[in-house]
Protein backbone atom coordinates (compact mmCIF):
# COMPACT_ATOMS: atom_id res chain seq x y z
CA MET A 1 -34.76 -18.18 6.66
CA GLY A 2 -31.36 -16.94 7.28
CA ASP A 3 -30.05 -13.21 6.75
CA GLN A 4 -31.01 -12.35 2.81
CA ARG A 5 -29.34 -8.92 2.92
CA ARG A 6 -26.66 -8.61 0.58
CA ASN A 7 -24.72 -6.06 2.42
CA HIS A 8 -24.95 -7.28 5.77
CA GLY A 9 -24.75 -4.47 8.07
CA ARG A 10 -22.99 -2.16 5.36
CA ASP A 11 -23.92 0.83 3.83
CA CYS A 12 -24.27 0.83 0.07
CA ASP A 13 -21.35 3.27 0.00
CA GLY A 14 -19.12 0.84 1.16
CA SER A 15 -18.80 2.65 4.74
CA ASP A 16 -18.29 -0.43 7.64
CA ALA A 17 -21.45 -0.22 10.25
CA LEU A 18 -20.16 2.65 11.97
CA GLY A 19 -20.44 4.59 9.09
CA GLU A 20 -16.28 4.70 8.49
CA SER A 21 -14.71 4.22 4.52
CA PRO A 22 -12.34 1.88 4.65
CA GLN A 23 -10.48 3.61 2.45
CA VAL A 24 -6.83 5.82 3.67
CA LYS A 25 -7.75 8.70 6.04
CA MET A 26 -6.42 12.05 4.31
CA GLU A 27 -3.69 12.22 7.33
CA ASP A 28 -2.53 8.81 5.88
CA GLU A 29 -2.51 9.66 2.05
CA ILE A 30 1.32 9.16 0.53
CA LYS A 31 2.08 11.36 -1.39
CA ILE A 32 5.19 12.30 -3.63
CA GLY A 33 7.76 12.87 -1.59
CA ASP A 34 6.84 10.77 1.71
CA ARG A 35 9.32 8.31 3.23
CA VAL A 36 7.97 4.85 3.41
CA GLN A 37 8.26 1.26 4.34
CA ILE A 38 7.42 -1.37 1.65
CA PHE A 39 6.84 -4.59 2.14
CA LEU A 40 8.23 -7.69 -0.09
CA ASP A 41 8.43 -10.68 0.03
CA THR A 42 10.38 -14.41 0.28
CA LYS A 43 8.67 -15.68 -2.72
CA THR A 44 9.54 -12.97 -4.99
CA TRP A 45 12.59 -11.38 -3.97
CA GLY A 46 14.45 -13.35 -1.81
CA SER A 47 13.95 -11.56 1.35
CA ASP A 48 11.14 -11.01 3.69
CA GLY A 49 10.20 -7.86 5.62
CA TRP A 50 10.03 -3.76 5.53
CA PHE A 51 12.25 -1.94 3.13
CA ASP A 52 12.37 2.12 3.78
CA GLY A 53 12.65 4.55 0.84
CA ARG A 54 10.87 7.39 -0.88
CA VAL A 55 8.00 7.98 -2.96
CA VAL A 56 8.76 9.07 -6.25
CA ARG A 57 5.87 8.73 -8.45
CA ILE A 58 2.37 7.89 -8.15
CA ASP A 59 0.34 6.58 -11.17
CA PRO A 60 -3.27 6.10 -10.63
CA TYR A 61 -4.70 2.84 -11.40
CA THR A 62 -8.73 2.70 -10.77
CA LYS A 63 -10.68 5.17 -8.52
CA HIS A 64 -9.57 3.95 -5.36
CA ARG A 65 -6.31 2.20 -6.26
CA SER A 66 -2.65 3.60 -7.70
CA PHE A 67 0.89 2.59 -8.24
CA TYR A 68 3.05 3.97 -5.71
CA TRP A 69 6.72 4.31 -7.28
CA VAL A 70 9.56 3.58 -4.38
CA GLU A 71 13.05 3.96 -4.59
CA LEU A 72 14.67 1.91 -1.74
CA ASP A 73 17.23 3.96 0.31
CA ASP A 74 20.84 2.51 -0.18
CA ASP A 75 21.03 0.55 3.11
CA SER A 76 17.40 -1.34 1.94
CA ALA A 77 18.70 -1.77 -1.54
CA ALA A 78 21.99 -3.24 -0.48
CA LEU A 79 19.98 -5.51 1.96
CA LEU A 80 17.63 -6.39 -0.97
CA GLY A 81 20.81 -7.06 -3.30
CA LYS A 82 19.37 -7.52 -6.02
CA GLY A 83 20.39 -4.34 -7.77
CA THR A 84 17.12 -2.85 -7.90
CA LYS A 85 16.53 0.60 -6.23
CA LEU A 86 12.91 1.66 -8.01
CA ILE A 87 9.72 -1.24 -7.16
CA SER A 88 6.04 0.07 -7.83
CA VAL A 89 3.63 -0.96 -4.97
CA LEU A 90 -0.32 -1.34 -5.74
CA ASN A 91 -1.23 -3.50 -2.84
CA PRO A 92 -1.93 -1.06 -0.42
CA ARG A 93 -1.28 -3.26 2.60
CA ASN A 94 2.09 -3.21 1.45
CA ILE A 95 2.90 -0.15 1.84
CA ARG A 96 2.85 2.44 5.14
CA LYS A 97 4.55 5.80 6.46
CA PRO A 98 6.81 4.83 9.15
């Protein structure tokens, strides 16, 4: 009766059906000093969009996630208008290399 498998075509190690890991690839790894863009939402920050900055610190949170501390560029901080320059990002969907 139906598909009783729990992994639904995925290997037990977390890779997808093609054997590729959903984790960030080494060439995409974010390091201290990297220029990045972070996504901020209107609900929390009053402005919605991607803001430019530089990673100044990385604090491990779990085996696969870290807090990325990003210092916003002066232009991005002015657009945000909150007087905040240092922002931590945990969700990997909200940080990217430009």
